[in-house]
C-alpha atoms as a PDB file:
ATOM      1  CA  UNK A   1     -61.510 -64.042 -18.178  1.00  0.00           C
ATOM      2  CA  UNK A   2     -62.366 -61.341 -15.358  1.00  0.00           C
ATOM      3  CA  UNK A   3     -59.444 -62.737 -13.282  1.00  0.00           C
ATOM      4  CA  UNK A   4     -57.037 -62.274 -16.146  1.00  0.00           C
ATOM      5  CA  UNK A   5     -57.908 -58.932 -16.607  1.00  0.00           C
ATOM      6  CA  UNK A   6     -57.600 -58.006 -13.186  1.00  0.00           C
ATOM      7  CA  UNK A   7     -54.354 -59.514 -12.969  1.00  0.00           C
ATOM      8  CA  UNK A   8     -53.157 -57.292 -16.245  1.00  0.00           C
ATOM      9  CA  UNK A   9     -54.445 -54.236 -14.797  1.00  0.00           C
ATOM     10  CA  UNK A  10     -52.706 -54.965 -11.691  1.00  0.00           C
ATOM     11  CA  UNK A  11     -49.137 -55.630 -13.494  1.00  0.00           C
ATOM     12  CA  UNK A  12     -49.869 -52.460 -15.569  1.00  0.00           C
ATOM     13  CA  UNK A  13     -50.173 -50.413 -12.344  1.00  0.00           C
ATOM     14  CA  UNK A  14     -47.499 -52.016 -10.341  1.00  0.00           C
ATOM     15  CA  UNK A  15     -44.800 -51.901 -12.968  1.00  0.00           C
ATOM     16  CA  UNK A  16     -44.127 -47.989 -12.809  1.00  0.00           C
ATOM     17  CA  UNK A  17     -44.818 -47.725  -9.266  1.00  0.00           C
ATOM     18  CA  UNK A  18     -42.202 -50.513  -8.271  1.00  0.00           C
ATOM     19  CA  UNK A  19     -39.797 -48.591 -11.048  1.00  0.00           C
ATOM     20  CA  UNK A  20     -40.377 -45.226  -9.263  1.00  0.00           C
ATOM     21  CA  UNK A  21     -39.699 -46.874  -6.100  1.00  0.00           C
ATOM     22  CA  UNK A  22     -36.380 -48.385  -6.831  1.00  0.00           C
ATOM     23  CA  UNK A  23     -35.235 -45.075  -8.859  1.00  0.00           C
ATOM     24  CA  UNK A  24     -35.803 -43.286  -5.727  1.00  0.00           C
ATOM     25  CA  UNK A  25     -33.765 -45.568  -3.619  1.00  0.00           C
ATOM     26  CA  UNK A  26     -31.172 -45.152  -5.858  1.00  0.00           C
ATOM     27  CA  UNK A  27     -31.361 -41.651  -6.072  1.00  0.00           C
ATOM     28  CA  UNK A  28     -31.569 -41.522  -2.294  1.00  0.00           C
ATOM     29  CA  UNK A  29     -28.595 -43.710  -1.541  1.00  0.00           C
ATOM     30  CA  UNK A  30     -26.510 -41.315  -4.105  1.00  0.00           C
ATOM     31  CA  UNK A  31     -27.336 -38.622  -2.022  1.00  0.00           C
ATOM     32  CA  UNK A  32     -26.481 -40.182   1.284  1.00  0.00           C
ATOM     33  CA  UNK A  33     -23.011 -41.452  -0.131  1.00  0.00           C
ATOM     34  CA  UNK A  34     -22.497 -37.862  -1.505  1.00  0.00           C
ATOM     35  CA  UNK A  35     -22.940 -36.545   2.301  1.00  0.00           C
ATOM     36  CA  UNK A  36     -20.521 -39.447   3.696  1.00  0.00           C
ATOM     37  CA  UNK A  37     -17.848 -38.607   0.739  1.00  0.00           C
ATOM     38  CA  UNK A  38     -17.794 -34.824   1.928  1.00  0.00           C
ATOM     39  CA  UNK A  39     -17.425 -35.143   5.408  1.00  0.00           C
ATOM     40  CA  UNK A  40     -13.725 -35.820   5.293  1.00  0.00           C
ATOM     41  CA  UNK A  41     -12.791 -33.252   2.786  1.00  0.00           C
ATOM     42  CA  UNK A  42     -13.687 -30.143   4.237  1.00  0.00           C
ATOM     43  CA  UNK A  43     -10.122 -29.072   4.327  1.00  0.00           C
ATOM     44  CA  UNK A  44      -9.527 -29.704   0.700  1.00  0.00           C
ATOM     45  CA  UNK A  45     -12.256 -27.661  -0.467  1.00  0.00           C
ATOM     46  CA  UNK A  46     -10.963 -24.793   1.580  1.00  0.00           C
ATOM     47  CA  UNK A  47      -7.621 -25.301  -0.034  1.00  0.00           C
ATOM     48  CA  UNK A  48      -9.047 -25.398  -3.427  1.00  0.00           C
ATOM     49  CA  UNK A  49     -10.969 -22.198  -2.745  1.00  0.00           C
ATOM     50  CA  UNK A  50      -7.726 -20.565  -1.692  1.00  0.00           C
ATOM     51  CA  UNK A  51      -5.543 -21.811  -4.735  1.00  0.00           C
ATOM     52  CA  UNK A  52      -8.285 -20.599  -7.120  1.00  0.00           C
ATOM     53  CA  UNK A  53      -8.491 -16.929  -5.825  1.00  0.00           C
ATOM     54  CA  UNK A  54      -4.588 -16.618  -5.826  1.00  0.00           C
ATOM     55  CA  UNK A  55      -3.607 -14.337  -8.440  1.00  0.00           C
ATOM     56  CA  UNK A  56      -1.092 -15.803 -11.190  1.00  0.00           C
END
């Protein structure tokens, strides 16, 4: 019975920990890919800012 309770407590503690790690990895990979996607588009962001500042 004590072994069953130990396993239950371990599972209750580890489920949120593992979920937090997985969500952190997803968030981190998203940030990394956002950095990579912005590398080749520096000239486009300057063009957009020039276009938006031009009077109509």
